[in-house]
Amino acid sequence: MKAAKKTIHRNKILKGLDKAYEKLLEFKKQKNTELIIIRDNKIVRIKPE
C-alpha cells in the first residue's frame, strides 16, 4: 500500500473515532451517567458536562 493511501485511510479512521467519541459524550449527557476513564493508571469516574 502506498504511503499516501495509508495516510488517507488513517485520517478516515481518526475522524471516525472522533465522531464516535462525540456521540458517546452526547449519550452520557442525555442519560446523566458517569464516564469511566483511565487517568494516571487509575480508574476515574467523571460527569460529562
C-alpha atoms as a PDB file:
ATOM      1  CA  MET A   1       0.000   0.000   0.000  1.00  0.00           C
ATOM      2  CA  LYS A   2       1.363   3.409  -0.901  1.00  0.00           C
ATOM      3  CA  ALA A   3       2.160   5.956   1.793  1.00  0.00           C
ATOM      4  CA  ALA A   4      -0.439   8.438   0.500  1.00  0.00           C
ATOM      5  CA  LYS A   5      -3.156   5.785   0.564  1.00  0.00           C
ATOM      6  CA  LYS A   6      -2.211   4.787   4.116  1.00  0.00           C
ATOM      7  CA  THR A   7      -2.433   8.410   5.196  1.00  0.00           C
ATOM      8  CA  ILE A   8      -5.916   8.738   3.704  1.00  0.00           C
ATOM      9  CA  HIS A   9      -7.100   5.588   5.491  1.00  0.00           C
ATOM     10  CA  ARG A  10      -5.530   6.724   8.763  1.00  0.00           C
ATOM     11  CA  ASN A  11      -7.255  10.102   8.550  1.00  0.00           C
ATOM     12  CA  LYS A  12     -10.635   8.455   7.891  1.00  0.00           C
ATOM     13  CA  ILE A  13     -10.170   6.165  10.879  1.00  0.00           C
ATOM     14  CA  LEU A  14      -9.229   9.082  13.146  1.00  0.00           C
ATOM     15  CA  LYS A  15     -12.265  11.087  12.003  1.00  0.00           C
ATOM     16  CA  GLY A  16     -14.476   8.082  12.742  1.00  0.00           C
ATOM     17  CA  LEU A  17     -13.010   7.713  16.226  1.00  0.00           C
ATOM     18  CA  ASP A  18     -13.560  11.415  16.932  1.00  0.00           C
ATOM     19  CA  LYS A  19     -17.187  11.122  15.805  1.00  0.00           C
ATOM     20  CA  ALA A  20     -17.738   8.033  17.972  1.00  0.00           C
ATOM     21  CA  TYR A  21     -16.269   9.853  20.999  1.00  0.00           C
ATOM     22  CA  GLU A  22     -18.549  12.859  20.452  1.00  0.00           C
ATOM     23  CA  LYS A  23     -21.584  10.562  20.214  1.00  0.00           C
ATOM     24  CA  LEU A  24     -20.520   8.816  23.424  1.00  0.00           C
ATOM     25  CA  LEU A  25     -20.318  12.145  25.266  1.00  0.00           C
ATOM     26  CA  GLU A  26     -23.756  13.182  23.955  1.00  0.00           C
ATOM     27  CA  PHE A  27     -25.233   9.865  25.097  1.00  0.00           C
ATOM     28  CA  LYS A  28     -23.705  10.154  28.566  1.00  0.00           C
ATOM     29  CA  LYS A  29     -25.021  13.727  28.914  1.00  0.00           C
ATOM     30  CA  GLN A  30     -28.536  12.690  27.863  1.00  0.00           C
ATOM     31  CA  LYS A  31     -28.614   9.743  30.275  1.00  0.00           C
ATOM     32  CA  ASN A  32     -26.855  11.742  33.031  1.00  0.00           C
ATOM     33  CA  THR A  33     -24.395   8.910  33.644  1.00  0.00           C
ATOM     34  CA  GLU A  34     -20.725   8.919  34.516  1.00  0.00           C
ATOM     35  CA  LEU A  35     -17.945   8.491  32.003  1.00  0.00           C
ATOM     36  CA  ILE A  36     -15.325   5.995  33.178  1.00  0.00           C
ATOM     37  CA  ILE A  37     -11.759   6.603  32.023  1.00  0.00           C
ATOM     38  CA  ILE A  38      -8.218   5.673  32.997  1.00  0.00           C
ATOM     39  CA  ARG A  39      -6.082   8.571  34.218  1.00  0.00           C
ATOM     40  CA  ASP A  40      -2.568   8.013  35.626  1.00  0.00           C
ATOM     41  CA  ASN A  41      -3.179   4.228  35.688  1.00  0.00           C
ATOM     42  CA  LYS A  42      -6.253   4.677  37.903  1.00  0.00           C
ATOM     43  CA  ILE A  43      -9.907   4.212  37.011  1.00  0.00           C
ATOM     44  CA  VAL A  44     -11.710   7.550  37.297  1.00  0.00           C
ATOM     45  CA  ARG A  45     -15.432   8.344  37.052  1.00  0.00           C
ATOM     46  CA  ILE A  46     -16.335  11.791  35.732  1.00  0.00           C
ATOM     47  CA  LYS A  47     -19.604  13.518  34.918  1.00  0.00           C
ATOM     48  CA  PRO A  48     -19.781  14.757  31.330  1.00  0.00           C
ATOM     49  CA  GLU A  49     -20.501  18.477  31.212  1.00  0.00           C
END
